[in-house]
Amino acid sequence: MNAELAPAMAFDTISLNIPKTDLTFFKTLAKKMGWVINKKSTPRKKRLYDPETGEYLNDETMKAIEDDSVAFSGSFEDFKKWAQNL
């Protein structure tokens, strides 16, 4: 890119999600085009995958799993009795 033209050019900032397998190609393309890349990593939500349904657990279920106050302490027999009383 010609340094003399840069101040006169209008720029837009965009956000892209690029698969890691294509990142090297994208960086090469961006360099050739004279683009500036600023990588920002977004924190990913924890997700559990259910292979039977092919879906991920929703936010409500994930919160219940992560909630420490819901933990059961006792023997398996105690848990079984508790579950049967529900």
PDB file of N, CA and C in Angstrom:
ATOM      1  N   MET A   1       0.852  -1.169   0.000  1.00  0.00           N
ATOM      2  CA  MET A   1       0.000   0.000   0.000  1.00  0.00           C
ATOM      3  C   MET A   1       0.895   1.227   0.000  1.00  0.00           C
ATOM      4  N   ASN A   2       0.527   2.200  -0.780  1.00  0.00           N
ATOM      5  CA  ASN A   2       1.286   3.429  -0.862  1.00  0.00           C
ATOM      6  C   ASN A   2       1.037   4.256   0.395  1.00  0.00           C
ATOM      7  N   ALA A   3       2.097   4.621   1.109  1.00  0.00           N
ATOM      8  CA  ALA A   3       1.972   5.367   2.362  1.00  0.00           C
ATOM      9  C   ALA A   3       1.360   6.744   2.147  1.00  0.00           C
ATOM     10  N   GLU A   4       1.520   7.315   0.957  1.00  0.00           N
ATOM     11  CA  GLU A   4       0.956   8.643   0.680  1.00  0.00           C
ATOM     12  C   GLU A   4      -0.563   8.585   0.564  1.00  0.00           C
ATOM     13  N   LEU A   5      -1.124   7.454   0.164  1.00  0.00           N
ATOM     14  CA  LEU A   5      -2.562   7.334  -0.010  1.00  0.00           C
ATOM     15  C   LEU A   5      -3.283   6.983   1.277  1.00  0.00           C
ATOM     16  N   ALA A   6      -2.595   6.398   2.227  1.00  0.00           N
ATOM     17  CA  ALA A   6      -3.231   5.899   3.448  1.00  0.00           C
ATOM     18  C   ALA A   6      -4.047   6.950   4.193  1.00  0.00           C
ATOM     19  N   PRO A   7      -3.549   8.167   4.415  1.00  0.00           N
ATOM     20  CA  PRO A   7      -4.350   9.131   5.168  1.00  0.00           C
ATOM     21  C   PRO A   7      -5.648   9.526   4.438  1.00  0.00           C
ATOM     22  N   ALA A   8      -5.670   9.483   3.128  1.00  0.00           N
ATOM     23  CA  ALA A   8      -6.846   9.898   2.378  1.00  0.00           C
ATOM     24  C   ALA A   8      -7.882   8.785   2.263  1.00  0.00           C
ATOM     25  N   MET A   9      -7.515   7.557   2.598  1.00  0.00           N
ATOM     26  CA  MET A   9      -8.423   6.433   2.446  1.00  0.00           C
ATOM     27  C   MET A   9      -9.360   6.330   3.639  1.00  0.00           C
ATOM     28  N   ALA A  10     -10.593   5.936   3.352  1.00  0.00           N
ATOM     29  CA  ALA A  10     -11.546   5.681   4.424  1.00  0.00           C
ATOM     30  C   ALA A  10     -11.466   4.204   4.791  1.00  0.00           C
ATOM     31  N   PHE A  11     -11.517   3.908   6.074  1.00  0.00           N
ATOM     32  CA  PHE A  11     -11.402   2.533   6.536  1.00  0.00           C
ATOM     33  C   PHE A  11     -12.648   2.126   7.304  1.00  0.00           C
ATOM     34  N   ASP A  12     -12.989   0.856   7.219  1.00  0.00           N
ATOM     35  CA  ASP A  12     -14.048   0.260   8.019  1.00  0.00           C
ATOM     36  C   ASP A  12     -13.414  -0.816   8.890  1.00  0.00           C
ATOM     37  N   THR A  13     -13.931  -0.964  10.084  1.00  0.00           N
ATOM     38  CA  THR A  13     -13.490  -2.026  10.975  1.00  0.00           C
ATOM     39  C   THR A  13     -14.558  -3.106  10.973  1.00  0.00           C
ATOM     40  N   ILE A  14     -14.124  -4.340  10.756  1.00  0.00           N
ATOM     41  CA  ILE A  14     -15.071  -5.451  10.728  1.00  0.00           C
ATOM     42  C   ILE A  14     -14.580  -6.555  11.648  1.00  0.00           C
ATOM     43  N   SER A  15     -15.474  -7.475  11.953  1.00  0.00           N
ATOM     44  CA  SER A  15     -15.137  -8.627  12.772  1.00  0.00           C
ATOM     45  C   SER A  15     -15.409  -9.882  11.959  1.00  0.00           C
ATOM     46  N   LEU A  16     -14.462 -10.800  11.946  1.00  0.00           N
ATOM     47  CA  LEU A  16     -14.596 -12.055  11.210  1.00  0.00           C
ATOM     48  C   LEU A  16     -14.343 -13.232  12.135  1.00  0.00           C
ATOM     49  N   ASN A  17     -15.046 -14.301  11.899  1.00  0.00           N
ATOM     50  CA  ASN A  17     -14.751 -15.570  12.557  1.00  0.00           C
ATOM     51  C   ASN A  17     -14.160 -16.480  11.499  1.00  0.00           C
ATOM     52  N   ILE A  18     -12.901 -16.830  11.689  1.00  0.00           N
ATOM     53  CA  ILE A  18     -12.182 -17.615  10.689  1.00  0.00           C
ATOM     54  C   ILE A  18     -11.753 -18.939  11.313  1.00  0.00           C
ATOM     55  N   PRO A  19     -12.024 -20.053  10.626  1.00  0.00           N
ATOM     56  CA  PRO A  19     -11.546 -21.341  11.150  1.00  0.00           C
ATOM     57  C   PRO A  19     -10.020 -21.333  11.279  1.00  0.00           C
ATOM     58  N   LYS A  20      -9.531 -21.955  12.329  1.00  0.00           N
ATOM     59  CA  LYS A  20      -8.080 -21.975  12.562  1.00  0.00           C
ATOM     60  C   LYS A  20      -7.321 -22.561  11.384  1.00  0.00           C
ATOM     61  N   THR A  21      -7.941 -23.480  10.678  1.00  0.00           N
ATOM     62  CA  THR A  21      -7.254 -24.097   9.539  1.00  0.00           C
ATOM     63  C   THR A  21      -7.030 -23.108   8.400  1.00  0.00           C
ATOM     64  N   ASP A  22      -7.808 -22.033   8.330  1.00  0.00           N
ATOM     65  CA  ASP A  22      -7.682 -21.036   7.265  1.00  0.00           C
ATOM     66  C   ASP A  22      -6.927 -19.785   7.705  1.00  0.00           C
ATOM     67  N   LEU A  23      -6.506 -19.730   8.957  1.00  0.00           N
ATOM     68  CA  LEU A  23      -5.900 -18.515   9.486  1.00  0.00           C
ATOM     69  C   LEU A  23      -4.603 -18.133   8.776  1.00  0.00           C
ATOM     70  N   THR A  24      -3.760 -19.090   8.486  1.00  0.00           N
ATOM     71  CA  THR A  24      -2.500 -18.795   7.791  1.00  0.00           C
ATOM     72  C   THR A  24      -2.777 -18.203   6.421  1.00  0.00           C
ATOM     73  N   PHE A  25      -3.727 -18.795   5.689  1.00  0.00           N
ATOM     74  CA  PHE A  25      -4.086 -18.268   4.373  1.00  0.00           C
ATOM     75  C   PHE A  25      -4.635 -16.849   4.489  1.00  0.00           C
ATOM     76  N   PHE A  26      -5.494 -16.614   5.480  1.00  0.00           N
ATOM     77  CA  PHE A  26      -6.081 -15.286   5.661  1.00  0.00           C
ATOM     78  C   PHE A  26      -5.009 -14.244   5.979  1.00  0.00           C
ATOM     79  N   LYS A  27      -4.061 -14.601   6.843  1.00  0.00           N
ATOM     80  CA  LYS A  27      -2.987 -13.663   7.184  1.00  0.00           C
ATOM     81  C   LYS A  27      -2.149 -13.320   5.958  1.00  0.00           C
ATOM     82  N   THR A  28      -1.884 -14.310   5.117  1.00  0.00           N
ATOM     83  CA  THR A  28      -1.124 -14.078   3.883  1.00  0.00           C
ATOM     84  C   THR A  28      -1.894 -13.148   2.957  1.00  0.00           C
ATOM     85  N   LEU A  29      -3.180 -13.403   2.789  1.00  0.00           N
ATOM     86  CA  LEU A  29      -4.028 -12.557   1.945  1.00  0.00           C
ATOM     87  C   LEU A  29      -4.076 -11.129   2.484  1.00  0.00           C
ATOM     88  N   ALA A  30      -4.271 -10.991   3.785  1.00  0.00           N
ATOM     89  CA  ALA A  30      -4.341  -9.664   4.390  1.00  0.00           C
ATOM     90  C   ALA A  30      -3.046  -8.888   4.198  1.00  0.00           C
ATOM     91  N   LYS A  31      -1.932  -9.573   4.342  1.00  0.00           N
ATOM     92  CA  LYS A  31      -0.633  -8.913   4.166  1.00  0.00           C
ATOM     93  C   LYS A  31      -0.479  -8.423   2.732  1.00  0.00           C
ATOM     94  N   LYS A  32      -0.854  -9.254   1.761  1.00  0.00           N
ATOM     95  CA  LYS A  32      -0.751  -8.863   0.352  1.00  0.00           C
ATOM     96  C   LYS A  32      -1.687  -7.711   0.008  1.00  0.00           C
ATOM     97  N   MET A  33      -2.835  -7.647   0.678  1.00  0.00           N
ATOM     98  CA  MET A  33      -3.807  -6.588   0.417  1.00  0.00           C
ATOM     99  C   MET A  33      -3.481  -5.302   1.177  1.00  0.00           C
ATOM    100  N   GLY A  34      -2.526  -5.365   2.111  1.00  0.00           N
ATOM    101  CA  GLY A  34      -2.165  -4.185   2.896  1.00  0.00           C
ATOM    102  C   GLY A  34      -3.137  -3.935   4.037  1.00  0.00           C
ATOM    103  N   TRP A  35      -3.859  -4.958   4.445  1.00  0.00           N
ATOM    104  CA  TRP A  35      -4.826  -4.822   5.534  1.00  0.00           C
ATOM    105  C   TRP A  35      -4.113  -4.942   6.873  1.00  0.00           C
ATOM    106  N   VAL A  36      -4.724  -4.397   7.907  1.00  0.00           N
ATOM    107  CA  VAL A  36      -4.200  -4.500   9.263  1.00  0.00           C
ATOM    108  C   VAL A  36      -5.126  -5.433  10.045  1.00  0.00           C
ATOM    109  N   ILE A  37      -4.533  -6.432  10.675  1.00  0.00           N
ATOM    110  CA  ILE A  37      -5.315  -7.390  11.464  1.00  0.00           C
ATOM    111  C   ILE A  37      -5.008  -7.174  12.935  1.00  0.00           C
ATOM    112  N   ASN A  38      -6.055  -7.013  13.729  1.00  0.00           N
ATOM    113  CA  ASN A  38      -5.935  -6.956  15.182  1.00  0.00           C
ATOM    114  C   ASN A  38      -6.753  -8.109  15.731  1.00  0.00           C
ATOM    115  N   LYS A  39      -6.075  -9.096  16.250  1.00  0.00           N
ATOM    116  CA  LYS A  39      -6.759 -10.289  16.740  1.00  0.00           C
ATOM    117  C   LYS A  39      -7.291 -10.052  18.146  1.00  0.00           C
ATOM    118  N   LYS A  40      -8.577 -10.311  18.308  1.00  0.00           N
ATOM    119  CA  LYS A  40      -9.204 -10.246  19.621  1.00  0.00           C
ATOM    120  C   LYS A  40      -9.830 -11.610  19.876  1.00  0.00           C
ATOM    121  N   SER A  41      -9.410 -12.239  20.934  1.00  0.00           N
ATOM    122  CA  SER A  41      -9.991 -13.525  21.282  1.00  0.00           C
ATOM    123  C   SER A  41     -11.218 -13.283  22.154  1.00  0.00           C
ATOM    124  N   THR A  42     -12.327 -13.845  21.742  1.00  0.00           N
ATOM    125  CA  THR A  42     -13.533 -13.727  22.543  1.00  0.00           C
ATOM    126  C   THR A  42     -13.639 -14.961  23.429  1.00  0.00           C
ATOM    127  N   PRO A  43     -13.972 -14.753  24.683  1.00  0.00           N
ATOM    128  CA  PRO A  43     -14.098 -15.924  25.554  1.00  0.00           C
ATOM    129  C   PRO A  43     -15.229 -16.822  25.071  1.00  0.00           C
ATOM    130  N   ARG A  44     -14.949 -18.091  25.001  1.00  0.00           N
ATOM    131  CA  ARG A  44     -15.950 -19.041  24.535  1.00  0.00           C
ATOM    132  C   ARG A  44     -16.732 -19.586  25.720  1.00  0.00           C
ATOM    133  N   LYS A  45     -18.018 -19.735  25.510  1.00  0.00           N
ATOM    134  CA  LYS A  45     -18.856 -20.324  26.544  1.00  0.00           C
ATOM    135  C   LYS A  45     -18.528 -21.810  26.664  1.00  0.00           C
ATOM    136  N   LYS A  46     -18.571 -22.284  27.884  1.00  0.00           N
ATOM    137  CA  LYS A  46     -18.388 -23.715  28.086  1.00  0.00           C
ATOM    138  C   LYS A  46     -19.638 -24.417  27.580  1.00  0.00           C
ATOM    139  N   ARG A  47     -19.446 -25.461  26.830  1.00  0.00           N
ATOM    140  CA  ARG A  47     -20.559 -26.218  26.270  1.00  0.00           C
ATOM    141  C   ARG A  47     -20.271 -27.705  26.388  1.00  0.00           C
ATOM    142  N   LEU A  48     -21.302 -28.462  26.647  1.00  0.00           N
ATOM    143  CA  LEU A  48     -21.195 -29.909  26.622  1.00  0.00           C
ATOM    144  C   LEU A  48     -21.986 -30.418  25.435  1.00  0.00           C
ATOM    145  N   TYR A  49     -21.411 -31.348  24.728  1.00  0.00           N
ATOM    146  CA  TYR A  49     -22.018 -31.894  23.519  1.00  0.00           C
ATOM    147  C   TYR A  49     -22.710 -33.214  23.836  1.00  0.00           C
ATOM    148  N   ASP A  50     -23.927 -33.382  23.333  1.00  0.00           N
ATOM    149  CA  ASP A  50     -24.673 -34.620  23.490  1.00  0.00           C
ATOM    150  C   ASP A  50     -24.646 -35.372  22.165  1.00  0.00           C
ATOM    151  N   PRO A  51     -23.848 -36.428  22.056  1.00  0.00           N
ATOM    152  CA  PRO A  51     -23.734 -37.138  20.779  1.00  0.00           C
ATOM    153  C   PRO A  51     -25.028 -37.841  20.356  1.00  0.00           C
ATOM    154  N   GLU A  52     -25.905 -38.135  21.316  1.00  0.00           N
ATOM    155  CA  GLU A  52     -27.162 -38.792  20.955  1.00  0.00           C
ATOM    156  C   GLU A  52     -28.082 -37.862  20.167  1.00  0.00           C
ATOM    157  N   THR A  53     -28.143 -36.596  20.590  1.00  0.00           N
ATOM    158  CA  THR A  53     -29.014 -35.642  19.906  1.00  0.00           C
ATOM    159  C   THR A  53     -28.260 -34.824  18.866  1.00  0.00           C
ATOM    160  N   GLY A  54     -26.924 -34.781  18.985  1.00  0.00           N
ATOM    161  CA  GLY A  54     -26.132 -33.957  18.080  1.00  0.00           C
ATOM    162  C   GLY A  54     -26.217 -32.479  18.415  1.00  0.00           C
ATOM    163  N   GLU A  55     -26.614 -32.155  19.650  1.00  0.00           N
ATOM    164  CA  GLU A  55     -26.770 -30.762  20.071  1.00  0.00           C
ATOM    165  C   GLU A  55     -25.925 -30.479  21.307  1.00  0.00           C
ATOM    166  N   TYR A  56     -25.770 -29.179  21.590  1.00  0.00           N
ATOM    167  CA  TYR A  56     -25.064 -28.747  22.782  1.00  0.00           C
ATOM    168  C   TYR A  56     -26.080 -28.384  23.856  1.00  0.00           C
ATOM    169  N   LEU A  57     -25.692 -28.536  25.124  1.00  0.00           N
ATOM    170  CA  LEU A  57     -26.590 -28.175  26.208  1.00  0.00           C
ATOM    171  C   LEU A  57     -26.819 -26.665  26.214  1.00  0.00           C
ATOM    172  N   ASN A  58     -28.018 -26.255  26.590  1.00  0.00           N
ATOM    173  CA  ASN A  58     -28.347 -24.825  26.594  1.00  0.00           C
ATOM    174  C   ASN A  58     -27.766 -24.123  27.827  1.00  0.00           C
ATOM    175  N   ASP A  59     -27.904 -22.788  27.873  1.00  0.00           N
ATOM    176  CA  ASP A  59     -27.326 -21.989  28.957  1.00  0.00           C
ATOM    177  C   ASP A  59     -27.882 -22.388  30.327  1.00  0.00           C
ATOM    178  N   GLU A  60     -29.186 -22.632  30.397  1.00  0.00           N
ATOM    179  CA  GLU A  60     -29.816 -22.977  31.670  1.00  0.00           C
ATOM    180  C   GLU A  60     -29.242 -24.272  32.242  1.00  0.00           C
ATOM    181  N   THR A  61     -29.076 -25.270  31.389  1.00  0.00           N
ATOM    182  CA  THR A  61     -28.525 -26.553  31.833  1.00  0.00           C
ATOM    183  C   THR A  61     -27.067 -26.404  32.248  1.00  0.00           C
ATOM    184  N   MET A  62     -26.300 -25.616  31.505  1.00  0.00           N
ATOM    185  CA  MET A  62     -24.894 -25.398  31.853  1.00  0.00           C
ATOM    186  C   MET A  62     -24.772 -24.693  33.204  1.00  0.00           C
ATOM    187  N   LYS A  63     -25.656 -23.721  33.478  1.00  0.00           N
ATOM    188  CA  LYS A  63     -25.626 -23.025  34.772  1.00  0.00           C
ATOM    189  C   LYS A  63     -25.924 -23.997  35.906  1.00  0.00           C
ATOM    190  N   ALA A  64     -26.878 -24.907  35.693  1.00  0.00           N
ATOM    191  CA  ALA A  64     -27.213 -25.887  36.719  1.00  0.00           C
ATOM    192  C   ALA A  64     -26.042 -26.825  36.989  1.00  0.00           C
ATOM    193  N   ILE A  65     -25.340 -27.220  35.943  1.00  0.00           N
ATOM    194  CA  ILE A  65     -24.190 -28.109  36.097  1.00  0.00           C
ATOM    195  C   ILE A  65     -23.065 -27.400  36.851  1.00  0.00           C
ATOM    196  N   GLU A  66     -22.845 -26.117  36.549  1.00  0.00           N
ATOM    197  CA  GLU A  66     -21.747 -25.361  37.150  1.00  0.00           C
ATOM    198  C   GLU A  66     -22.061 -24.865  38.556  1.00  0.00           C
ATOM    199  N   ASP A  67     -23.337 -24.897  38.964  1.00  0.00           N
ATOM    200  CA  ASP A  67     -23.750 -24.411  40.279  1.00  0.00           C
ATOM    201  C   ASP A  67     -23.296 -25.401  41.349  1.00  0.00           C
ATOM    202  N   ASP A  68     -22.361 -24.970  42.186  1.00  0.00           N
ATOM    203  CA  ASP A  68     -21.809 -25.853  43.216  1.00  0.00           C
ATOM    204  C   ASP A  68     -22.810 -26.168  44.318  1.00  0.00           C
ATOM    205  N   SER A  69     -23.801 -25.313  44.523  1.00  0.00           N
ATOM    206  CA  SER A  69     -24.741 -25.519  45.617  1.00  0.00           C
ATOM    207  C   SER A  69     -25.714 -26.663  45.335  1.00  0.00           C
ATOM    208  N   VAL A  70     -25.761 -27.148  44.111  1.00  0.00           N
ATOM    209  CA  VAL A  70     -26.682 -28.213  43.739  1.00  0.00           C
ATOM    210  C   VAL A  70     -26.056 -29.588  43.959  1.00  0.00           C
ATOM    211  N   ALA A  71     -24.796 -29.639  44.285  1.00  0.00           N
ATOM    212  CA  ALA A  71     -24.079 -30.915  44.416  1.00  0.00           C
ATOM    213  C   ALA A  71     -24.711 -31.792  45.486  1.00  0.00           C
ATOM    214  N   PHE A  72     -24.772 -33.073  45.215  1.00  0.00           N
ATOM    215  CA  PHE A  72     -25.301 -34.062  46.161  1.00  0.00           C
ATOM    216  C   PHE A  72     -24.136 -34.740  46.850  1.00  0.00           C
ATOM    217  N   SER A  73     -24.210 -34.851  48.156  1.00  0.00           N
ATOM    218  CA  SER A  73     -23.169 -35.582  48.865  1.00  0.00           C
ATOM    219  C   SER A  73     -23.830 -36.718  49.629  1.00  0.00           C
ATOM    220  N   GLY A  74     -23.276 -37.869  49.512  1.00  0.00           N
ATOM    221  CA  GLY A  74     -23.828 -39.058  50.158  1.00  0.00           C
ATOM    222  C   GLY A  74     -23.536 -40.273  49.308  1.00  0.00           C
ATOM    223  N   SER A  75     -24.091 -41.387  49.712  1.00  0.00           N
ATOM    224  CA  SER A  75     -23.858 -42.626  48.982  1.00  0.00           C
ATOM    225  C   SER A  75     -24.784 -42.718  47.776  1.00  0.00           C
ATOM    226  N   PHE A  76     -24.486 -43.666  46.910  1.00  0.00           N
ATOM    227  CA  PHE A  76     -25.334 -43.879  45.742  1.00  0.00           C
ATOM    228  C   PHE A  76     -26.724 -44.316  46.174  1.00  0.00           C
ATOM    229  N   GLU A  77     -26.803 -45.128  47.220  1.00  0.00           N
ATOM    230  CA  GLU A  77     -28.104 -45.589  47.724  1.00  0.00           C
ATOM    231  C   GLU A  77     -28.935 -44.408  48.231  1.00  0.00           C
ATOM    232  N   ASP A  78     -28.297 -43.462  48.917  1.00  0.00           N
ATOM    233  CA  ASP A  78     -29.002 -42.254  49.376  1.00  0.00           C
ATOM    234  C   ASP A  78     -29.528 -41.456  48.195  1.00  0.00           C
ATOM    235  N   PHE A  79     -28.699 -41.348  47.167  1.00  0.00           N
ATOM    236  CA  PHE A  79     -29.115 -40.607  45.965  1.00  0.00           C
ATOM    237  C   PHE A  79     -30.284 -41.314  45.291  1.00  0.00           C
ATOM    238  N   LYS A  80     -30.216 -42.618  45.207  1.00  0.00           N
ATOM    239  CA  LYS A  80     -31.274 -43.403  44.578  1.00  0.00           C
ATOM    240  C   LYS A  80     -32.602 -43.202  45.316  1.00  0.00           C
ATOM    241  N   LYS A  81     -32.564 -43.243  46.649  1.00  0.00           N
ATOM    242  CA  LYS A  81     -33.774 -43.008  47.453  1.00  0.00           C
ATOM    243  C   LYS A  81     -34.301 -41.595  47.242  1.00  0.00           C
ATOM    244  N   TRP A  82     -33.380 -40.636  47.210  1.00  0.00           N
ATOM    245  CA  TRP A  82     -33.778 -39.238  47.004  1.00  0.00           C
ATOM    246  C   TRP A  82     -34.454 -39.075  45.642  1.00  0.00           C
ATOM    247  N   ALA A  83     -33.868 -39.689  44.599  1.00  0.00           N
ATOM    248  CA  ALA A  83     -34.405 -39.563  43.244  1.00  0.00           C
ATOM    249  C   ALA A  83     -35.773 -40.237  43.128  1.00  0.00           C
ATOM    250  N   GLN A  84     -35.983 -41.347  43.821  1.00  0.00           N
ATOM    251  CA  GLN A  84     -37.267 -42.037  43.754  1.00  0.00           C
ATOM    252  C   GLN A  84     -38.379 -41.245  44.435  1.00  0.00           C
ATOM    253  N   ASN A  85     -38.012 -40.393  45.369  1.00  0.00           N
ATOM    254  CA  ASN A  85     -38.993 -39.569  46.093  1.00  0.00           C
ATOM    255  C   ASN A  85     -39.388 -38.307  45.320  1.00  0.00           C
ATOM    256  N   LEU A  86     -38.755 -38.054  44.243  1.00  0.00           N
ATOM    257  CA  LEU A  86     -39.086 -36.839  43.468  1.00  0.00           C
ATOM    258  C   LEU A  86     -40.429 -36.938  42.801  1.00  0.00           C
TER     259      LEU A  86
END
